[in-house]
N, C-alpha and C. Protein backbone atom coordinates (compact mmCIF):
# COMPACT_ATOMS: atom_id res chain seq x y z
N UNK A 1 3.87 -4.24 -23.10
CA UNK A 1 3.11 -5.45 -23.27
C UNK A 1 1.79 -5.29 -22.54
N UNK A 2 0.71 -5.73 -23.14
CA UNK A 2 -0.59 -5.65 -22.48
C UNK A 2 -1.32 -6.97 -22.66
N UNK A 3 -2.25 -7.20 -21.76
CA UNK A 3 -3.10 -8.38 -21.88
C UNK A 3 -4.52 -7.97 -21.51
N UNK A 4 -5.47 -8.74 -21.99
CA UNK A 4 -6.87 -8.45 -21.74
C UNK A 4 -7.44 -9.52 -20.83
N UNK A 5 -8.17 -9.08 -19.81
CA UNK A 5 -8.85 -10.01 -18.90
C UNK A 5 -10.31 -9.59 -18.82
N UNK A 6 -11.18 -10.58 -18.56
CA UNK A 6 -12.59 -10.22 -18.42
C UNK A 6 -12.85 -9.67 -17.02
N UNK A 7 -13.98 -9.05 -16.84
CA UNK A 7 -14.30 -8.37 -15.58
C UNK A 7 -14.31 -9.33 -14.40
N UNK A 8 -14.86 -10.52 -14.58
CA UNK A 8 -14.90 -11.50 -13.50
C UNK A 8 -13.48 -11.88 -13.06
N UNK A 9 -12.61 -12.14 -14.01
CA UNK A 9 -11.22 -12.48 -13.70
C UNK A 9 -10.53 -11.31 -12.99
N UNK A 10 -10.82 -10.10 -13.43
CA UNK A 10 -10.21 -8.91 -12.80
C UNK A 10 -10.65 -8.79 -11.35
N UNK A 11 -11.93 -9.03 -11.07
CA UNK A 11 -12.42 -8.96 -9.69
C UNK A 11 -11.81 -10.07 -8.85
N UNK A 12 -11.68 -11.25 -9.42
CA UNK A 12 -11.18 -12.39 -8.69
C UNK A 12 -9.68 -12.29 -8.41
N UNK A 13 -8.93 -11.72 -9.33
CA UNK A 13 -7.46 -11.69 -9.23
C UNK A 13 -6.91 -10.26 -9.18
N UNK A 14 -7.65 -9.35 -8.56
CA UNK A 14 -7.25 -7.94 -8.57
C UNK A 14 -5.85 -7.73 -7.99
N UNK A 15 -5.54 -8.36 -6.87
CA UNK A 15 -4.22 -8.18 -6.25
C UNK A 15 -3.09 -8.57 -7.21
N UNK A 16 -3.23 -9.70 -7.85
CA UNK A 16 -2.20 -10.16 -8.79
C UNK A 16 -2.10 -9.22 -9.99
N UNK A 17 -3.24 -8.71 -10.45
CA UNK A 17 -3.21 -7.79 -11.59
C UNK A 17 -2.55 -6.47 -11.22
N UNK A 18 -2.80 -5.99 -10.01
CA UNK A 18 -2.15 -4.74 -9.56
C UNK A 18 -0.64 -4.95 -9.47
N UNK A 19 -0.22 -6.10 -8.97
CA UNK A 19 1.21 -6.39 -8.90
C UNK A 19 1.83 -6.45 -10.30
N UNK A 20 1.10 -7.03 -11.25
CA UNK A 20 1.59 -7.09 -12.63
C UNK A 20 1.71 -5.68 -13.20
N UNK A 21 0.73 -4.83 -12.91
CA UNK A 21 0.80 -3.44 -13.38
C UNK A 21 1.97 -2.72 -12.75
N UNK A 22 2.22 -3.00 -11.48
CA UNK A 22 3.35 -2.38 -10.79
C UNK A 22 4.68 -2.76 -11.47
N UNK A 23 4.74 -3.97 -12.01
CA UNK A 23 5.95 -4.42 -12.70
C UNK A 23 6.05 -3.85 -14.11
N UNK A 24 5.03 -3.10 -14.55
CA UNK A 24 5.11 -2.45 -15.85
C UNK A 24 4.15 -2.99 -16.90
N UNK A 25 3.39 -4.00 -16.56
CA UNK A 25 2.46 -4.58 -17.51
C UNK A 25 1.18 -3.75 -17.56
N UNK A 26 0.59 -3.65 -18.73
CA UNK A 26 -0.68 -2.95 -18.89
C UNK A 26 -1.78 -3.98 -19.06
N UNK A 27 -2.85 -3.86 -18.26
CA UNK A 27 -3.93 -4.83 -18.31
C UNK A 27 -5.20 -4.12 -18.78
N UNK A 28 -5.84 -4.67 -19.80
CA UNK A 28 -7.11 -4.15 -20.30
C UNK A 28 -8.22 -5.00 -19.68
N UNK A 29 -9.20 -4.35 -19.07
CA UNK A 29 -10.32 -5.05 -18.47
C UNK A 29 -11.52 -4.91 -19.40
N UNK A 30 -12.08 -6.06 -19.78
CA UNK A 30 -13.19 -6.08 -20.74
C UNK A 30 -14.44 -6.66 -20.11
N UNK A 31 -15.58 -6.18 -20.60
CA UNK A 31 -16.87 -6.71 -20.19
C UNK A 31 -17.60 -7.14 -21.46
N UNK A 32 -17.95 -8.41 -21.51
CA UNK A 32 -18.59 -8.98 -22.69
C UNK A 32 -17.74 -8.75 -23.95
N UNK A 33 -16.42 -8.86 -23.80
CA UNK A 33 -15.52 -8.73 -24.93
C UNK A 33 -15.22 -7.30 -25.36
N UNK A 34 -15.78 -6.31 -24.65
CA UNK A 34 -15.56 -4.91 -25.00
C UNK A 34 -14.68 -4.28 -23.93
N UNK A 35 -13.56 -3.69 -24.34
CA UNK A 35 -12.64 -3.05 -23.40
C UNK A 35 -13.36 -1.93 -22.67
N UNK A 36 -13.24 -1.94 -21.33
CA UNK A 36 -13.91 -0.93 -20.51
C UNK A 36 -12.93 -0.09 -19.68
N UNK A 37 -11.78 -0.67 -19.32
CA UNK A 37 -10.83 0.06 -18.46
C UNK A 37 -9.43 -0.46 -18.71
N UNK A 38 -8.46 0.36 -18.29
CA UNK A 38 -7.06 -0.02 -18.44
C UNK A 38 -6.39 0.10 -17.07
N UNK A 39 -5.68 -0.92 -16.65
CA UNK A 39 -4.90 -0.91 -15.42
C UNK A 39 -3.45 -0.80 -15.85
N UNK A 40 -2.83 0.32 -15.51
CA UNK A 40 -1.46 0.58 -15.96
C UNK A 40 -0.63 1.06 -14.78
N UNK A 41 0.70 0.91 -14.87
CA UNK A 41 1.56 1.34 -13.77
C UNK A 41 1.59 2.86 -13.66
N UNK A 42 1.71 3.32 -12.44
CA UNK A 42 1.91 4.75 -12.21
C UNK A 42 3.37 5.08 -12.47
N UNK A 43 3.62 6.27 -12.93
CA UNK A 43 5.00 6.70 -13.13
C UNK A 43 5.66 6.98 -11.80
N UNK A 44 6.95 7.21 -11.79
CA UNK A 44 7.64 7.52 -10.54
C UNK A 44 7.16 8.85 -9.99
N UNK A 45 7.28 9.01 -8.68
CA UNK A 45 6.92 10.28 -8.06
C UNK A 45 7.79 11.38 -8.63
N UNK A 46 7.19 12.53 -8.80
CA UNK A 46 7.93 13.64 -9.40
C UNK A 46 8.92 14.25 -8.42
N UNK A 47 8.53 14.34 -7.15
CA UNK A 47 9.42 14.90 -6.14
C UNK A 47 9.48 13.97 -4.94
N UNK A 48 10.63 13.92 -4.35
CA UNK A 48 10.77 13.14 -3.13
C UNK A 48 10.03 13.86 -2.00
N UNK A 49 9.43 13.10 -1.11
CA UNK A 49 8.69 13.68 0.00
C UNK A 49 9.66 14.35 0.96
N UNK A 50 9.31 15.55 1.37
CA UNK A 50 10.15 16.30 2.29
C UNK A 50 9.42 16.43 3.63
N UNK A 51 10.00 15.93 4.73
CA UNK A 51 9.33 16.04 6.03
C UNK A 51 9.09 17.50 6.39
N UNK A 52 7.95 17.77 7.00
CA UNK A 52 7.60 19.15 7.33
C UNK A 52 8.18 19.62 8.65
N UNK A 53 8.57 18.68 9.51
CA UNK A 53 9.08 19.01 10.84
C UNK A 53 8.07 19.84 11.62
N UNK A 54 6.80 19.51 11.42
CA UNK A 54 5.71 20.24 12.05
C UNK A 54 5.83 20.24 13.57
N UNK A 55 6.18 19.10 14.15
CA UNK A 55 6.26 19.02 15.61
C UNK A 55 7.64 19.43 16.13
N UNK A 56 8.55 19.71 15.24
CA UNK A 56 9.90 20.16 15.59
C UNK A 56 10.61 19.21 16.58
N UNK A 57 10.41 17.90 16.34
CA UNK A 57 11.07 16.90 17.17
C UNK A 57 12.50 16.74 16.66
N UNK A 58 13.46 16.95 17.54
CA UNK A 58 14.84 16.85 17.12
C UNK A 58 15.57 15.69 17.80
N UNK A 59 14.93 15.07 18.82
CA UNK A 59 15.57 14.00 19.55
C UNK A 59 14.52 12.98 19.98
N UNK A 60 14.83 11.71 19.78
CA UNK A 60 13.97 10.63 20.27
C UNK A 60 14.85 9.71 21.10
N UNK A 61 14.45 9.49 22.34
CA UNK A 61 15.24 8.67 23.26
C UNK A 61 15.34 7.23 22.75
N UNK A 62 16.43 6.56 23.08
CA UNK A 62 16.64 5.18 22.66
C UNK A 62 15.55 4.25 23.20
N UNK A 63 15.01 4.55 24.38
CA UNK A 63 13.99 3.69 24.99
C UNK A 63 12.58 4.21 24.73
N UNK A 64 12.38 5.01 23.69
CA UNK A 64 11.09 5.62 23.39
C UNK A 64 9.96 4.59 23.31
N UNK A 65 10.19 3.49 22.63
CA UNK A 65 9.13 2.49 22.47
C UNK A 65 9.36 1.24 23.31
N UNK A 66 10.18 1.36 24.34
CA UNK A 66 10.41 0.23 25.24
C UNK A 66 9.15 -0.01 26.08
N UNK A 67 8.86 -1.27 26.41
CA UNK A 67 7.67 -1.55 27.21
C UNK A 67 7.78 -0.95 28.61
N UNK A 68 6.64 -0.51 29.12
CA UNK A 68 6.57 0.06 30.46
C UNK A 68 6.07 -1.04 31.41
N UNK A 69 6.87 -1.46 32.38
CA UNK A 69 6.48 -2.55 33.28
C UNK A 69 5.17 -2.27 34.02
N UNK A 70 4.93 -1.03 34.39
CA UNK A 70 3.70 -0.67 35.10
C UNK A 70 2.47 -0.89 34.22
N UNK A 71 2.55 -0.49 32.98
CA UNK A 71 1.43 -0.68 32.06
C UNK A 71 1.23 -2.17 31.78
N UNK A 72 2.30 -2.91 31.59
CA UNK A 72 2.18 -4.36 31.38
C UNK A 72 1.52 -5.04 32.57
N UNK A 73 1.87 -4.61 33.78
CA UNK A 73 1.29 -5.17 35.00
C UNK A 73 -0.22 -4.90 35.03
N UNK A 74 -0.62 -3.69 34.67
CA UNK A 74 -2.06 -3.34 34.69
C UNK A 74 -2.83 -4.12 33.61
N UNK A 75 -2.23 -4.31 32.43
CA UNK A 75 -2.90 -5.09 31.38
C UNK A 75 -3.04 -6.55 31.79
N UNK A 76 -2.10 -7.05 32.56
CA UNK A 76 -2.15 -8.44 33.02
C UNK A 76 -3.19 -8.65 34.10
N UNK A 77 -3.77 -7.56 34.61
CA UNK A 77 -4.80 -7.66 35.63
C UNK A 77 -4.27 -7.66 37.05
N UNK A 78 -2.99 -7.44 37.16
CA UNK A 78 -2.40 -7.36 38.50
C UNK A 78 -2.63 -5.97 39.06
N UNK A 79 -2.89 -5.90 40.35
CA UNK A 79 -3.13 -4.57 40.92
C UNK A 79 -2.16 -4.23 42.00
């Protein structure tokens, strides 16, 4: 299914049109009644992304992202 929108409407509602394309709809963008572009959904990725393990991290501590009281104290302006 496709629909045609004018350029002004496409600029104004781009986010909604991209979401519609993501759902499988094809949108034709026209200027002065002449089709100029097509917004269509991308196909699925051909391959799943494979982590490179570049940093060779094999373990992350449970408290890795826990707040540091010393840093919080310094941000609060306490010395």
